[in-house]
């Protein structure tokens, strides 16, 4: 057997081992999206591409990626979400990107209300809630649905995908444009976390500045045409949006009033 053929066989074996390692890391249930795990595996692999003994490369790659996972097990989902939103929106839709930054900032302000995992889901969803406006992701024209489908393909947690899909009264808009069945693939969890996402979106204006809920509704009506499905849907989801904002404000007030232990 020629030396070249032996080298090809060894490379094929290493490739297969690396693929199995990546699949195993994804299966272990980290909050890091599979797309990020793949990027880390590729990055680690490139570090050792010139190693003299290639048989040890899969082990080195796995150890390296595990160290990165251990270093930031909770923060990476929101980091990926922020970076992805910036990549999708900042250049093409700078005003939408400014709004997204404001919504994510608002979500971070209220995230302390929730346990750690819920905080991560809320903040990630806030960063990602409007990526469906990016032209490269448009399929149906319903930005909540288009964004959620993209995130599903990227392997994000189903809960983040659903929060994005259902945010800010998407169901009413979907009904008006004939996409209810498609949107129904994503469950509306109707939880305080969902309310907090709606609150974050409905109290930040298009340029990222804080607004009251009433100001936000007035801004929406002033910016969009009367026949726009988003405006027409306010007849059906306006009260639901308002209720989500009120519940979050009430939760903030109640938690803020809790007595400090020992006082």
C-alpha atoms as a PDB file:
ATOM      1  CA  UNK A   1       0.000   0.000   0.000  1.00  0.00           C
ATOM      2  CA  UNK A   2       1.446   3.370  -0.977  1.00  0.00           C
ATOM      3  CA  UNK A   3       2.297   6.020   1.601  1.00  0.00           C
ATOM      4  CA  UNK A   4      -0.193   8.381  -0.040  1.00  0.00           C
ATOM      5  CA  UNK A   5      -3.027   5.879   0.293  1.00  0.00           C
ATOM      6  CA  UNK A   6      -2.153   5.239   3.935  1.00  0.00           C
ATOM      7  CA  UNK A   7      -2.248   8.977   4.597  1.00  0.00           C
ATOM      8  CA  UNK A   8      -5.661   9.281   2.942  1.00  0.00           C
ATOM      9  CA  UNK A   9      -7.047   6.411   5.024  1.00  0.00           C
ATOM     10  CA  UNK A  10      -5.711   7.952   8.231  1.00  0.00           C
ATOM     11  CA  UNK A  11      -7.261  11.312   7.365  1.00  0.00           C
ATOM     12  CA  UNK A  12     -10.588   9.626   6.645  1.00  0.00           C
ATOM     13  CA  UNK A  13     -10.482   7.893  10.035  1.00  0.00           C
ATOM     14  CA  UNK A  14      -9.657  11.142  11.816  1.00  0.00           C
ATOM     15  CA  UNK A  15     -12.488  12.926   9.980  1.00  0.00           C
ATOM     16  CA  UNK A  16     -14.958  10.248  11.078  1.00  0.00           C
ATOM     17  CA  UNK A  17     -13.779  10.439  14.690  1.00  0.00           C
ATOM     18  CA  UNK A  18     -14.131  14.221  14.723  1.00  0.00           C
ATOM     19  CA  UNK A  19     -17.671  13.950  13.385  1.00  0.00           C
ATOM     20  CA  UNK A  20     -18.582  11.456  16.122  1.00  0.00           C
ATOM     21  CA  UNK A  21     -17.083  13.745  18.767  1.00  0.00           C
ATOM     22  CA  UNK A  22     -19.112  16.702  17.499  1.00  0.00           C
ATOM     23  CA  UNK A  23     -22.317  14.653  17.492  1.00  0.00           C
ATOM     24  CA  UNK A  24     -21.628  13.465  21.036  1.00  0.00           C
ATOM     25  CA  UNK A  25     -20.996  16.992  22.321  1.00  0.00           C
ATOM     26  CA  UNK A  26     -24.268  18.175  20.787  1.00  0.00           C
ATOM     27  CA  UNK A  27     -26.216  15.212  22.239  1.00  0.00           C
ATOM     28  CA  UNK A  28     -24.987  15.876  25.747  1.00  0.00           C
ATOM     29  CA  UNK A  29     -27.481  18.696  25.994  1.00  0.00           C
ATOM     30  CA  UNK A  30     -25.371  21.810  26.339  1.00  0.00           C
ATOM     31  CA  UNK A  31     -27.254  25.089  25.933  1.00  0.00           C
ATOM     32  CA  UNK A  32     -24.703  25.977  23.261  1.00  0.00           C
ATOM     33  CA  UNK A  33     -26.370  25.702  19.823  1.00  0.00           C
ATOM     34  CA  UNK A  34     -25.114  22.907  17.551  1.00  0.00           C
ATOM     35  CA  UNK A  35     -23.991  25.519  15.027  1.00  0.00           C
ATOM     36  CA  UNK A  36     -21.654  26.963  17.667  1.00  0.00           C
ATOM     37  CA  UNK A  37     -20.372  23.533  18.680  1.00  0.00           C
ATOM     38  CA  UNK A  38     -19.567  22.924  15.024  1.00  0.00           C
ATOM     39  CA  UNK A  39     -17.664  26.226  14.792  1.00  0.00           C
ATOM     40  CA  UNK A  40     -15.668  25.366  17.918  1.00  0.00           C
ATOM     41  CA  UNK A  41     -14.832  21.892  16.642  1.00  0.00           C
ATOM     42  CA  UNK A  42     -13.629  23.352  13.354  1.00  0.00           C
ATOM     43  CA  UNK A  43     -11.566  25.974  15.196  1.00  0.00           C
ATOM     44  CA  UNK A  44      -9.982  23.421  17.531  1.00  0.00           C
ATOM     45  CA  UNK A  45      -9.315  21.070  14.648  1.00  0.00           C
ATOM     46  CA  UNK A  46      -7.490  23.772  12.729  1.00  0.00           C
ATOM     47  CA  UNK A  47      -5.152  24.235  15.700  1.00  0.00           C
ATOM     48  CA  UNK A  48      -3.908  20.686  15.370  1.00  0.00           C
ATOM     49  CA  UNK A  49      -4.069  20.280  11.600  1.00  0.00           C
ATOM     50  CA  UNK A  50      -0.266  20.122  11.347  1.00  0.00           C
ATOM     51  CA  UNK A  51       0.305  17.826  14.303  1.00  0.00           C
ATOM     52  CA  UNK A  52       2.899  15.171  13.478  1.00  0.00           C
ATOM     53  CA  UNK A  53       0.817  12.394  15.062  1.00  0.00           C
ATOM     54  CA  UNK A  54      -2.681  12.796  13.662  1.00  0.00           C
ATOM     55  CA  UNK A  55      -4.034   9.856  15.654  1.00  0.00           C
ATOM     56  CA  UNK A  56      -4.130  12.075  18.763  1.00  0.00           C
ATOM     57  CA  UNK A  57      -5.923  14.969  17.063  1.00  0.00           C
ATOM     58  CA  UNK A  58      -9.520  13.835  17.858  1.00  0.00           C
ATOM     59  CA  UNK A  59      -8.674  13.570  21.562  1.00  0.00           C
ATOM     60  CA  UNK A  60      -7.048  17.008  21.536  1.00  0.00           C
ATOM     61  CA  UNK A  61     -10.025  18.525  19.715  1.00  0.00           C
ATOM     62  CA  UNK A  62     -12.507  17.037  22.189  1.00  0.00           C
ATOM     63  CA  UNK A  63     -10.504  18.243  25.209  1.00  0.00           C
ATOM     64  CA  UNK A  64     -10.237  21.738  23.751  1.00  0.00           C
ATOM     65  CA  UNK A  65     -13.952  22.093  22.962  1.00  0.00           C
ATOM     66  CA  UNK A  66     -14.932  20.670  26.351  1.00  0.00           C
ATOM     67  CA  UNK A  67     -12.743  23.274  28.028  1.00  0.00           C
ATOM     68  CA  UNK A  68     -14.540  26.011  26.109  1.00  0.00           C
ATOM     69  CA  UNK A  69     -17.924  24.561  27.065  1.00  0.00           C
ATOM     70  CA  UNK A  70     -16.916  24.388  30.720  1.00  0.00           C
ATOM     71  CA  UNK A  71     -15.616  27.950  30.714  1.00  0.00           C
ATOM     72  CA  UNK A  72     -18.941  29.529  29.693  1.00  0.00           C
ATOM     73  CA  UNK A  73     -21.715  26.947  29.919  1.00  0.00           C
ATOM     74  CA  UNK A  74     -24.512  29.480  30.341  1.00  0.00           C
ATOM     75  CA  UNK A  75     -23.354  32.598  28.552  1.00  0.00           C
ATOM     76  CA  UNK A  76     -22.707  31.203  25.118  1.00  0.00           C
ATOM     77  CA  UNK A  77     -26.328  30.990  23.980  1.00  0.00           C
ATOM     78  CA  UNK A  78     -26.887  34.710  24.442  1.00  0.00           C
ATOM     79  CA  UNK A  79     -23.466  35.448  22.909  1.00  0.00           C
ATOM     80  CA  UNK A  80     -24.338  33.441  19.811  1.00  0.00           C
ATOM     81  CA  UNK A  81     -27.742  35.120  19.699  1.00  0.00           C
ATOM     82  CA  UNK A  82     -26.220  38.605  19.877  1.00  0.00           C
ATOM     83  CA  UNK A  83     -23.571  37.849  17.257  1.00  0.00           C
ATOM     84  CA  UNK A  84     -26.120  36.277  14.926  1.00  0.00           C
ATOM     85  CA  UNK A  85     -28.544  39.182  15.241  1.00  0.00           C
ATOM     86  CA  UNK A  86     -25.755  41.653  14.567  1.00  0.00           C
ATOM     87  CA  UNK A  87     -24.623  39.722  11.508  1.00  0.00           C
ATOM     88  CA  UNK A  88     -28.161  39.540  10.135  1.00  0.00           C
ATOM     89  CA  UNK A  89     -29.346  43.071  10.923  1.00  0.00           C
ATOM     90  CA  UNK A  90     -26.609  45.604  11.625  1.00  0.00           C
ATOM     91  CA  UNK A  91     -25.592  46.367   8.035  1.00  0.00           C
ATOM     92  CA  UNK A  92     -28.811  45.662   6.140  1.00  0.00           C
ATOM     93  CA  UNK A  93     -31.270  47.010   8.730  1.00  0.00           C
ATOM     94  CA  UNK A  94     -29.431  49.357  11.138  1.00  0.00           C
ATOM     95  CA  UNK A  95     -32.617  50.792  12.670  1.00  0.00           C
ATOM     96  CA  UNK A  96     -33.946  47.280  13.297  1.00  0.00           C
ATOM     97  CA  UNK A  97     -30.565  46.440  14.865  1.00  0.00           C
ATOM     98  CA  UNK A  98     -30.841  49.489  17.148  1.00  0.00           C
ATOM     99  CA  UNK A  99     -34.298  48.320  18.229  1.00  0.00           C
ATOM    100  CA  UNK A 100     -32.965  44.809  18.833  1.00  0.00           C
ATOM    101  CA  UNK A 101     -30.189  46.119  21.051  1.00  0.00           C
ATOM    102  CA  UNK A 102     -32.715  48.078  23.050  1.00  0.00           C
ATOM    103  CA  UNK A 103     -35.020  45.075  23.439  1.00  0.00           C
ATOM    104  CA  UNK A 104     -32.135  42.874  24.578  1.00  0.00           C
ATOM    105  CA  UNK A 105     -31.093  45.542  27.066  1.00  0.00           C
ATOM    106  CA  UNK A 106     -34.634  45.713  28.425  1.00  0.00           C
ATOM    107  CA  UNK A 107     -34.732  41.910  28.704  1.00  0.00           C
ATOM    108  CA  UNK A 108     -31.499  41.975  30.691  1.00  0.00           C
ATOM    109  CA  UNK A 109     -33.050  44.544  33.026  1.00  0.00           C
ATOM    110  CA  UNK A 110     -35.929  42.206  33.930  1.00  0.00           C
ATOM    111  CA  UNK A 111     -34.102  38.876  33.646  1.00  0.00           C
ATOM    112  CA  UNK A 112     -33.282  38.860  37.372  1.00  0.00           C
ATOM    113  CA  UNK A 113     -36.930  37.960  37.972  1.00  0.00           C
ATOM    114  CA  UNK A 114     -36.320  34.439  36.669  1.00  0.00           C
ATOM    115  CA  UNK A 115     -34.142  31.370  37.345  1.00  0.00           C
ATOM    116  CA  UNK A 116     -30.842  31.107  35.463  1.00  0.00           C
ATOM    117  CA  UNK A 117     -32.085  28.943  32.587  1.00  0.00           C
ATOM    118  CA  UNK A 118     -35.129  31.146  32.035  1.00  0.00           C
ATOM    119  CA  UNK A 119     -32.887  34.224  32.033  1.00  0.00           C
ATOM    120  CA  UNK A 120     -30.763  32.726  29.278  1.00  0.00           C
ATOM    121  CA  UNK A 121     -33.797  31.837  27.171  1.00  0.00           C
ATOM    122  CA  UNK A 122     -35.312  35.302  27.593  1.00  0.00           C
ATOM    123  CA  UNK A 123     -32.153  37.214  26.690  1.00  0.00           C
ATOM    124  CA  UNK A 124     -31.343  34.975  23.731  1.00  0.00           C
ATOM    125  CA  UNK A 125     -34.903  35.322  22.406  1.00  0.00           C
ATOM    126  CA  UNK A 126     -34.719  39.102  22.823  1.00  0.00           C
ATOM    127  CA  UNK A 127     -31.587  39.290  20.691  1.00  0.00           C
ATOM    128  CA  UNK A 128     -33.132  37.031  18.057  1.00  0.00           C
ATOM    129  CA  UNK A 129     -36.747  38.177  18.041  1.00  0.00           C
ATOM    130  CA  UNK A 130     -36.541  40.243  14.831  1.00  0.00           C
ATOM    131  CA  UNK A 131     -33.938  38.400  12.744  1.00  0.00           C
ATOM    132  CA  UNK A 132     -36.745  37.204  10.471  1.00  0.00           C
ATOM    133  CA  UNK A 133     -36.733  40.681   8.915  1.00  0.00           C
ATOM    134  CA  UNK A 134     -33.339  39.942   7.330  1.00  0.00           C
ATOM    135  CA  UNK A 135     -33.777  39.469   3.591  1.00  0.00           C
ATOM    136  CA  UNK A 136     -31.749  36.265   3.552  1.00  0.00           C
ATOM    137  CA  UNK A 137     -34.202  34.649   5.973  1.00  0.00           C
ATOM    138  CA  UNK A 138     -37.474  35.783   4.422  1.00  0.00           C
ATOM    139  CA  UNK A 139     -39.672  32.899   3.325  1.00  0.00           C
ATOM    140  CA  UNK A 140     -43.245  33.679   4.349  1.00  0.00           C
ATOM    141  CA  UNK A 141     -42.987  37.393   5.124  1.00  0.00           C
ATOM    142  CA  UNK A 142     -44.081  36.785   8.738  1.00  0.00           C
ATOM    143  CA  UNK A 143     -40.854  37.719  10.487  1.00  0.00           C
ATOM    144  CA  UNK A 144     -41.624  35.800  13.674  1.00  0.00           C
ATOM    145  CA  UNK A 145     -42.117  32.572  11.729  1.00  0.00           C
ATOM    146  CA  UNK A 146     -39.195  33.082   9.359  1.00  0.00           C
ATOM    147  CA  UNK A 147     -36.862  33.810  12.249  1.00  0.00           C
ATOM    148  CA  UNK A 148     -38.045  30.795  14.228  1.00  0.00           C
ATOM    149  CA  UNK A 149     -37.612  28.463  11.270  1.00  0.00           C
ATOM    150  CA  UNK A 150     -34.051  29.657  10.776  1.00  0.00           C
ATOM    151  CA  UNK A 151     -33.273  29.112  14.451  1.00  0.00           C
ATOM    152  CA  UNK A 152     -34.749  25.630  14.298  1.00  0.00           C
ATOM    153  CA  UNK A 153     -32.460  24.797  11.390  1.00  0.00           C
ATOM    154  CA  UNK A 154     -29.542  26.083  13.438  1.00  0.00           C
ATOM    155  CA  UNK A 155     -30.447  23.684  16.241  1.00  0.00           C
ATOM    156  CA  UNK A 156     -31.367  26.213  18.916  1.00  0.00           C
ATOM    157  CA  UNK A 157     -33.451  25.073  21.884  1.00  0.00           C
ATOM    158  CA  UNK A 158     -37.073  24.616  20.865  1.00  0.00           C
ATOM    159  CA  UNK A 159     -38.150  27.015  23.576  1.00  0.00           C
ATOM    160  CA  UNK A 160     -36.104  29.901  22.145  1.00  0.00           C
ATOM    161  CA  UNK A 161     -37.504  29.170  18.687  1.00  0.00           C
ATOM    162  CA  UNK A 162     -41.052  29.215  20.047  1.00  0.00           C
ATOM    163  CA  UNK A 163     -40.549  32.438  22.002  1.00  0.00           C
ATOM    164  CA  UNK A 164     -39.324  34.108  18.811  1.00  0.00           C
ATOM    165  CA  UNK A 165     -42.146  32.617  16.729  1.00  0.00           C
ATOM    166  CA  UNK A 166     -44.919  33.741  19.051  1.00  0.00           C
ATOM    167  CA  UNK A 167     -43.615  37.076  20.262  1.00  0.00           C
ATOM    168  CA  UNK A 168     -45.812  40.144  20.489  1.00  0.00           C
ATOM    169  CA  UNK A 169     -49.065  38.721  19.221  1.00  0.00           C
ATOM    170  CA  UNK A 170     -47.759  36.864  16.176  1.00  0.00           C
ATOM    171  CA  UNK A 171     -50.772  34.533  16.151  1.00  0.00           C
ATOM    172  CA  UNK A 172     -53.177  37.337  15.222  1.00  0.00           C
ATOM    173  CA  UNK A 173     -50.974  38.478  12.345  1.00  0.00           C
ATOM    174  CA  UNK A 174     -50.564  34.875  11.176  1.00  0.00           C
ATOM    175  CA  UNK A 175     -54.345  34.449  11.110  1.00  0.00           C
ATOM    176  CA  UNK A 176     -54.736  37.514   8.900  1.00  0.00           C
ATOM    177  CA  UNK A 177     -52.115  36.365   6.381  1.00  0.00           C
ATOM    178  CA  UNK A 178     -53.090  32.679   6.295  1.00  0.00           C
ATOM    179  CA  UNK A 179     -50.138  31.284   8.231  1.00  0.00           C
ATOM    180  CA  UNK A 180     -51.833  30.046  11.401  1.00  0.00           C
ATOM    181  CA  UNK A 181     -51.126  26.385  10.716  1.00  0.00           C
ATOM    182  CA  UNK A 182     -47.459  27.075  10.064  1.00  0.00           C
ATOM    183  CA  UNK A 183     -47.076  29.185  13.200  1.00  0.00           C
ATOM    184  CA  UNK A 184     -48.872  26.537  15.282  1.00  0.00           C
ATOM    185  CA  UNK A 185     -45.777  24.358  14.927  1.00  0.00           C
ATOM    186  CA  UNK A 186     -44.312  26.591  17.638  1.00  0.00           C
ATOM    187  CA  UNK A 187     -46.064  26.537  21.015  1.00  0.00           C
ATOM    188  CA  UNK A 188     -46.991  29.780  22.741  1.00  0.00           C
ATOM    189  CA  UNK A 189     -45.935  28.998  26.302  1.00  0.00           C
ATOM    190  CA  UNK A 190     -47.970  31.875  27.830  1.00  0.00           C
ATOM    191  CA  UNK A 191     -45.574  32.166  30.753  1.00  0.00           C
ATOM    192  CA  UNK A 192     -44.007  35.062  32.677  1.00  0.00           C
ATOM    193  CA  UNK A 193     -40.903  34.628  30.496  1.00  0.00           C
ATOM    194  CA  UNK A 194     -43.023  35.013  27.369  1.00  0.00           C
ATOM    195  CA  UNK A 195     -44.677  38.076  28.914  1.00  0.00           C
ATOM    196  CA  UNK A 196     -41.252  39.551  29.687  1.00  0.00           C
ATOM    197  CA  UNK A 197     -40.192  39.175  26.060  1.00  0.00           C
ATOM    198  CA  UNK A 198     -43.366  40.885  24.869  1.00  0.00           C
ATOM    199  CA  UNK A 199     -42.838  43.602  27.505  1.00  0.00           C
ATOM    200  CA  UNK A 200     -39.274  44.134  26.291  1.00  0.00           C
ATOM    201  CA  UNK A 201     -40.401  44.479  22.682  1.00  0.00           C
ATOM    202  CA  UNK A 202     -43.410  46.656  23.460  1.00  0.00           C
ATOM    203  CA  UNK A 203     -41.544  49.215  25.598  1.00  0.00           C
ATOM    204  CA  UNK A 204     -38.666  49.911  23.202  1.00  0.00           C
ATOM    205  CA  UNK A 205     -39.038  52.061  20.110  1.00  0.00           C
ATOM    206  CA  UNK A 206     -37.680  51.418  16.622  1.00  0.00           C
ATOM    207  CA  UNK A 207     -34.403  53.238  17.332  1.00  0.00           C
ATOM    208  CA  UNK A 208     -33.798  51.509  20.638  1.00  0.00           C
ATOM    209  CA  UNK A 209     -35.169  54.175  22.959  1.00  0.00           C
ATOM    210  CA  UNK A 210     -37.492  53.310  25.869  1.00  0.00           C
ATOM    211  CA  UNK A 211     -41.168  54.089  25.352  1.00  0.00           C
ATOM    212  CA  UNK A 212     -44.319  53.536  27.328  1.00  0.00           C
ATOM    213  CA  UNK A 213     -46.683  50.903  25.960  1.00  0.00           C
ATOM    214  CA  UNK A 214     -49.078  53.624  24.786  1.00  0.00           C
ATOM    215  CA  UNK A 215     -46.245  55.448  23.032  1.00  0.00           C
ATOM    216  CA  UNK A 216     -45.144  52.229  21.370  1.00  0.00           C
ATOM    217  CA  UNK A 217     -48.625  51.565  19.993  1.00  0.00           C
ATOM    218  CA  UNK A 218     -48.845  55.137  18.722  1.00  0.00           C
ATOM    219  CA  UNK A 219     -45.438  54.755  17.098  1.00  0.00           C
ATOM    220  CA  UNK A 220     -46.506  51.529  15.392  1.00  0.00           C
ATOM    221  CA  UNK A 221     -49.669  53.122  14.015  1.00  0.00           C
ATOM    222  CA  UNK A 222     -47.754  56.155  12.831  1.00  0.00           C
ATOM    223  CA  UNK A 223     -45.043  54.165  11.083  1.00  0.00           C
ATOM    224  CA  UNK A 224     -47.170  51.546   9.307  1.00  0.00           C
ATOM    225  CA  UNK A 225     -50.029  51.834   6.839  1.00  0.00           C
ATOM    226  CA  UNK A 226     -53.590  51.280   8.197  1.00  0.00           C
ATOM    227  CA  UNK A 227     -53.963  48.149   6.083  1.00  0.00           C
ATOM    228  CA  UNK A 228     -50.728  46.604   7.310  1.00  0.00           C
ATOM    229  CA  UNK A 229     -51.495  43.202   8.940  1.00  0.00           C
ATOM    230  CA  UNK A 230     -49.534  44.266  12.028  1.00  0.00           C
ATOM    231  CA  UNK A 231     -51.887  47.245  12.476  1.00  0.00           C
ATOM    232  CA  UNK A 232     -55.016  45.269  11.635  1.00  0.00           C
ATOM    233  CA  UNK A 233     -53.960  42.620  14.151  1.00  0.00           C
ATOM    234  CA  UNK A 234     -53.930  45.175  16.970  1.00  0.00           C
ATOM    235  CA  UNK A 235     -57.720  44.864  16.988  1.00  0.00           C
ATOM    236  CA  UNK A 236     -57.225  41.237  18.062  1.00  0.00           C
ATOM    237  CA  UNK A 237     -53.937  41.227  19.962  1.00  0.00           C
ATOM    238  CA  UNK A 238     -53.720  44.751  21.366  1.00  0.00           C
ATOM    239  CA  UNK A 239     -55.323  43.757  24.663  1.00  0.00           C
ATOM    240  CA  UNK A 240     -53.135  40.660  24.863  1.00  0.00           C
ATOM    241  CA  UNK A 241     -50.010  42.740  24.348  1.00  0.00           C
ATOM    242  CA  UNK A 242     -51.150  45.198  26.994  1.00  0.00           C
ATOM    243  CA  UNK A 243     -51.888  42.379  29.441  1.00  0.00           C
ATOM    244  CA  UNK A 244     -48.402  40.907  28.989  1.00  0.00           C
ATOM    245  CA  UNK A 245     -46.873  44.310  29.721  1.00  0.00           C
ATOM    246  CA  UNK A 246     -49.061  44.810  32.793  1.00  0.00           C
ATOM    247  CA  UNK A 247     -48.247  41.367  34.179  1.00  0.00           C
ATOM    248  CA  UNK A 248     -44.525  41.962  33.808  1.00  0.00           C
ATOM    249  CA  UNK A 249     -44.756  45.396  35.413  1.00  0.00           C
ATOM    250  CA  UNK A 250     -46.768  43.896  38.270  1.00  0.00           C
ATOM    251  CA  UNK A 251     -44.190  41.148  38.743  1.00  0.00           C
ATOM    252  CA  UNK A 252     -41.410  43.722  38.817  1.00  0.00           C
ATOM    253  CA  UNK A 253     -43.273  45.780  41.387  1.00  0.00           C
ATOM    254  CA  UNK A 254     -44.075  42.776  43.566  1.00  0.00           C
ATOM    255  CA  UNK A 255     -40.500  41.458  43.537  1.00  0.00           C
ATOM    256  CA  UNK A 256     -39.057  44.900  44.191  1.00  0.00           C
ATOM    257  CA  UNK A 257     -41.260  45.261  47.280  1.00  0.00           C
ATOM    258  CA  UNK A 258     -40.145  41.960  48.839  1.00  0.00           C
ATOM    259  CA  UNK A 259     -38.558  42.586  52.248  1.00  0.00           C
ATOM    260  CA  UNK A 260     -34.812  42.025  52.512  1.00  0.00           C
ATOM    261  CA  UNK A 261     -33.938  39.022  54.692  1.00  0.00           C
ATOM    262  CA  UNK A 262     -32.957  40.039  58.207  1.00  0.00           C
ATOM    263  CA  UNK A 263     -34.617  43.447  58.067  1.00  0.00           C
END
